[in-house]
Every structure is written in C-alpha cells, then in structure tokens.
Amino acid sequence: PLSSSPGGESEAPRHQRGPSAACRLDVVKVSAGVLLFRERAGRLEVLLVHPGGPYWAKKDAGAWTIPKGEIVEGEEPLAAARREFEEETGFPPPGGEAMALTPRRQAGGKLVHAWAMRGDLDAAAIRSNTFTMEWPPRSARQQEFPEIDRAAWFTLDEARRRILKSQTPFLDEIERRLTSGGDAGPGCESGP
C-alpha cells in the first residue's frame, strides 16, 4: 500500500523504502552560485540578492545571499551556477573567467559551490523566477512570489553584515585572492 507524504506524493511504507534520507550520509543537497564583483571608486563591491516570499520579507541583516540554486542531477556545477544566476536575476552571467571558490557548507547542511566573476548589472532591474506556496498558512490559497525580491551592490564590509553567516567565507576568500596578486589565480575556469 502507498501512503501520502506531507507534499501529497504517494510513497511506499517506510519498511519498504530502506533507510530514511535523514539516516543516509550520501544525501546532501548541493547548490551552485555566482558571486559577481566589480570595482567602484577603488573599492571592491559584490552583488547579493534577497530571498523573496513572506518568510524573508522582514529580514535583512544576515538574510542576503549570492544568486544560487540546486544542481540538477547530471549537471556540471559551473553550468548550474550560470543557469541559477540567470534564473534569479534575469541577466545572463558574464562571460570570461570564473574563479572557483572553496565550497562551503551552510547551517542546514547544504553544500554550496561558488564562482567569482567580474561583471556589472543594474541591480534595480533584476527579474527573478517565481515559486508558488500556500499563503497565508492553512488558507488553502496558493500565491506566487519571486524567488529573489531585490538585489544590491555592497562593499565587502556591508556585504558581511547582510550575507548569510555561512556564506561570509566566500567574501573573505574573494578579498584575499583579489588583493594578493590582483588576478583570479589558480582555480579559474573559462565558461561557455
């Protein structure tokens, strides 16, 4: 017999499914994203995005992120980072070199791969993809929200106050790598 999961999908009873995802060490969500950077008046700035939807509406400090999303099975991480950047901002990622940053684990366990890319865009002109959820809770009403409700350029000091704590090391690494020789150094990959 099949039971219904919280999402309404049918699944086999627990004893027929094997170990739960919580017990399997090989089940880790993996995301990829782009840390876009530019220089303005001799200062490094990075583009961060703010998650959309009602749960994030009143959160600011510690809520911003790099444009990122889950890697689809069989997809190369850099290709996923480029795809997610365009889906979340409405802009294609810049061409040229992509500086691979050290992957970081977020507080919830998700592993995030990131690439730093030099580029520029009008943060006020982003157009994000959307998602649908029941809102308000238990109302049986489905509402659509943008995945990203805004984007902004920040100096590194301000970005450190705004970004998710688990993504702060991306900022530290890009600062260290760009100021220690002025180029991307090892780990660069040319994109399509």
Protein backbone atom coordinates (compact mmCIF):
# COMPACT_ATOMS: atom_id res chain seq x y z
CA PRO A 1 0.00 0.00 0.00
CA LEU A 2 1.08 3.56 -0.64
CA SER A 3 0.96 6.37 1.88
CA SER A 4 0.88 10.07 1.22
CA SER A 5 3.89 12.20 2.09
CA PRO A 6 3.45 15.71 3.53
CA GLY A 7 3.78 17.05 0.00
CA GLY A 8 0.89 14.87 -1.15
CA GLU A 9 3.09 12.45 -3.13
CA SER A 10 2.47 8.73 -2.80
CA GLU A 11 5.29 6.64 -1.43
CA ALA A 12 5.90 3.12 -0.23
CA PRO A 13 5.60 2.40 3.51
CA ARG A 14 8.79 3.13 5.48
CA HIS A 15 9.75 -0.55 5.87
CA GLN A 16 9.76 -0.90 2.05
CA ARG A 17 11.76 2.27 1.38
CA GLY A 18 15.02 1.42 3.13
CA PRO A 19 16.95 3.90 5.28
CA SER A 20 15.41 7.34 5.57
CA ALA A 21 17.14 10.30 3.97
CA ALA A 22 18.00 11.58 7.44
CA CYS A 23 19.95 8.36 8.12
CA ARG A 24 21.78 8.21 4.78
CA LEU A 25 25.02 10.15 4.73
CA ASP A 26 25.11 10.28 0.93
CA VAL A 27 22.03 12.52 0.66
CA VAL A 28 23.31 16.08 0.67
CA LYS A 29 21.69 18.94 -1.18
CA VAL A 30 24.22 20.70 -3.37
CA SER A 31 23.86 24.20 -4.81
CA ALA A 32 25.96 26.36 -7.08
CA GLY A 33 26.10 30.11 -7.49
CA VAL A 34 27.90 33.16 -8.77
CA LEU A 35 29.49 35.88 -6.66
CA LEU A 36 29.50 38.81 -9.08
CA PHE A 37 32.04 41.53 -8.26
CA ARG A 38 33.10 44.91 -9.60
CA GLU A 39 35.29 47.83 -8.58
CA ARG A 40 33.83 51.28 -7.91
CA ALA A 41 35.96 54.22 -6.79
CA GLY A 42 38.81 51.81 -5.97
CA ARG A 43 36.62 49.63 -3.73
CA LEU A 44 35.50 46.07 -4.34
CA GLU A 45 31.72 45.58 -4.44
CA VAL A 46 29.72 42.35 -4.64
CA LEU A 47 26.19 41.66 -5.83
CA LEU A 48 23.93 40.00 -3.28
CA VAL A 49 20.28 39.02 -3.61
CA HIS A 50 17.48 38.96 -1.05
CA PRO A 51 15.16 35.92 -0.92
CA GLY A 52 11.56 36.59 -1.84
CA GLY A 53 8.42 35.35 -0.16
CA PRO A 54 6.67 36.11 3.09
CA TYR A 55 9.16 34.37 5.40
CA TRP A 56 12.01 36.66 4.31
CA ALA A 57 10.01 39.88 3.86
CA LYS A 58 11.04 41.49 7.18
CA LYS A 59 14.55 40.01 7.39
CA ASP A 60 17.56 41.95 6.20
CA ALA A 61 20.85 41.61 8.11
CA GLY A 62 22.10 38.06 7.70
CA ALA A 63 19.46 37.18 5.10
CA TRP A 64 21.09 38.08 1.77
CA THR A 65 22.86 35.51 -0.38
CA ILE A 66 24.74 35.01 -3.61
CA PRO A 67 22.47 34.08 -6.53
CA LYS A 68 22.45 30.27 -6.31
CA GLY A 69 20.31 27.18 -6.56
CA GLU A 70 20.32 23.41 -6.58
CA ILE A 71 22.35 21.47 -9.09
CA VAL A 72 20.20 19.23 -11.29
CA GLU A 73 21.31 15.59 -11.45
CA GLY A 74 24.00 15.20 -14.11
CA GLU A 75 24.58 18.96 -14.38
CA GLU A 76 28.07 20.39 -14.06
CA PRO A 77 28.30 22.72 -11.03
CA LEU A 78 29.58 25.73 -13.03
CA ALA A 79 26.77 25.28 -15.58
CA ALA A 80 24.29 25.17 -12.69
CA ALA A 81 25.78 28.35 -11.19
CA ARG A 82 25.40 30.16 -14.51
CA ARG A 83 21.83 28.87 -15.01
CA GLU A 84 20.77 29.86 -11.49
CA PHE A 85 22.31 33.32 -11.86
CA GLU A 86 20.19 34.00 -14.92
CA GLU A 87 17.03 32.49 -13.39
CA GLU A 88 17.36 34.57 -10.24
CA THR A 89 18.45 37.88 -11.77
CA GLY A 90 17.09 37.82 -15.31
CA PHE A 91 20.60 38.65 -16.59
CA PRO A 92 22.98 36.21 -18.25
CA PRO A 93 26.15 35.69 -16.22
CA PRO A 94 29.23 37.45 -17.54
CA GLY A 95 31.44 35.60 -19.98
CA GLY A 96 35.10 35.10 -19.34
CA GLU A 97 36.84 33.51 -16.44
CA ALA A 98 35.11 32.08 -13.40
CA MET A 99 37.20 31.93 -10.23
CA ALA A 100 36.30 28.75 -8.32
CA LEU A 101 35.89 29.48 -4.62
CA THR A 102 36.15 26.90 -1.85
CA PRO A 103 32.81 25.08 -1.45
CA ARG A 104 31.06 25.91 1.85
CA ARG A 105 28.53 24.02 3.93
CA GLN A 106 25.53 26.06 5.08
CA ALA A 107 23.96 25.72 8.53
CA GLY A 108 21.22 23.40 7.19
CA GLY A 109 23.81 21.04 5.70
CA LYS A 110 23.58 22.15 2.06
CA LEU A 111 26.93 22.31 0.24
CA VAL A 112 27.37 25.47 -1.86
CA HIS A 113 29.83 25.73 -4.75
CA ALA A 114 30.54 29.28 -5.87
CA TRP A 115 32.44 31.04 -8.64
CA ALA A 116 33.50 34.67 -8.51
CA MET A 117 33.02 36.55 -11.79
CA ARG A 118 33.83 40.11 -12.70
CA GLY A 119 30.84 41.93 -14.16
CA ASP A 120 28.26 44.64 -13.75
CA LEU A 121 24.49 44.93 -13.96
CA ASP A 122 21.70 47.22 -12.84
CA ALA A 123 20.61 45.65 -9.54
CA ALA A 124 17.32 47.54 -9.63
CA ALA A 125 16.42 45.84 -12.92
CA ILE A 126 16.56 42.19 -11.80
CA ARG A 127 13.67 39.92 -12.76
CA SER A 128 13.58 36.67 -10.82
CA ASN A 129 11.78 33.42 -11.48
CA THR A 130 8.88 32.68 -9.12
CA PHE A 131 7.60 29.96 -6.81
CA THR A 132 4.13 29.12 -5.54
CA MET A 133 3.20 28.35 -1.95
CA GLU A 134 0.17 28.26 0.30
CA TRP A 135 -0.16 31.68 1.89
CA PRO A 136 -1.31 32.50 4.48
CA PRO A 137 -0.62 29.13 6.12
CA ARG A 138 -3.61 26.74 6.26
CA SER A 139 -5.62 29.08 3.99
CA ALA A 140 -5.71 26.68 1.01
CA ARG A 141 -4.79 29.72 -1.13
CA GLN A 142 -1.80 29.43 -3.44
CA GLN A 143 0.19 32.61 -4.06
CA GLU A 144 3.13 33.27 -6.33
CA PHE A 145 6.27 35.02 -5.06
CA PRO A 146 9.59 35.95 -6.69
CA GLU A 147 12.48 33.71 -5.64
CA ILE A 148 14.53 36.90 -5.29
CA ASP A 149 12.75 40.14 -4.41
CA ARG A 150 15.71 42.51 -4.78
CA ALA A 151 19.42 42.73 -5.44
CA ALA A 152 22.03 45.28 -4.44
CA TRP A 153 25.71 46.05 -4.71
CA PHE A 154 27.57 46.18 -1.38
CA THR A 155 31.10 46.95 -0.28
CA LEU A 156 32.69 43.94 1.38
CA ASP A 157 32.19 45.41 4.88
CA GLU A 158 28.48 45.98 4.28
CA ALA A 159 28.11 42.63 2.49
CA ARG A 160 29.49 40.88 5.59
CA ARG A 161 26.63 42.37 7.63
CA ARG A 162 23.99 41.42 5.07
CA ILE A 163 25.00 37.95 3.82
CA LEU A 164 24.07 34.62 5.43
CA LYS A 165 26.74 33.88 8.01
CA SER A 166 27.64 30.57 6.32
CA GLN A 167 28.46 32.44 3.08
CA THR A 168 30.77 35.04 4.67
CA PRO A 169 33.85 32.91 3.85
CA PHE A 170 33.14 33.49 0.13
CA LEU A 171 33.63 37.22 0.75
CA ASP A 172 36.81 36.63 2.74
CA GLU A 173 38.21 34.39 0.02
CA ILE A 174 37.48 36.74 -2.86
CA GLU A 175 39.01 39.65 -0.95
CA ARG A 176 42.13 37.63 -0.14
CA ARG A 177 42.55 36.32 -3.67
CA LEU A 178 41.95 39.61 -5.44
CA THR A 179 44.18 41.65 -3.17
CA SER A 180 47.05 39.14 -3.02
CA GLY A 181 48.04 39.48 -6.63
CA GLY A 182 45.28 41.18 -8.49
CA ASP A 183 44.22 38.20 -10.57
CA ALA A 184 41.99 35.19 -10.19
CA GLY A 185 44.92 32.83 -9.66
CA PRO A 186 44.53 29.07 -9.65
CA GLY A 187 41.08 27.60 -9.87
CA CYS A 188 39.93 29.71 -12.81
CA GLU A 189 37.77 28.09 -15.41
CA SER A 190 36.69 29.54 -18.68
CA GLY A 191 32.96 29.39 -19.13
CA PRO A 192 30.99 28.66 -22.26
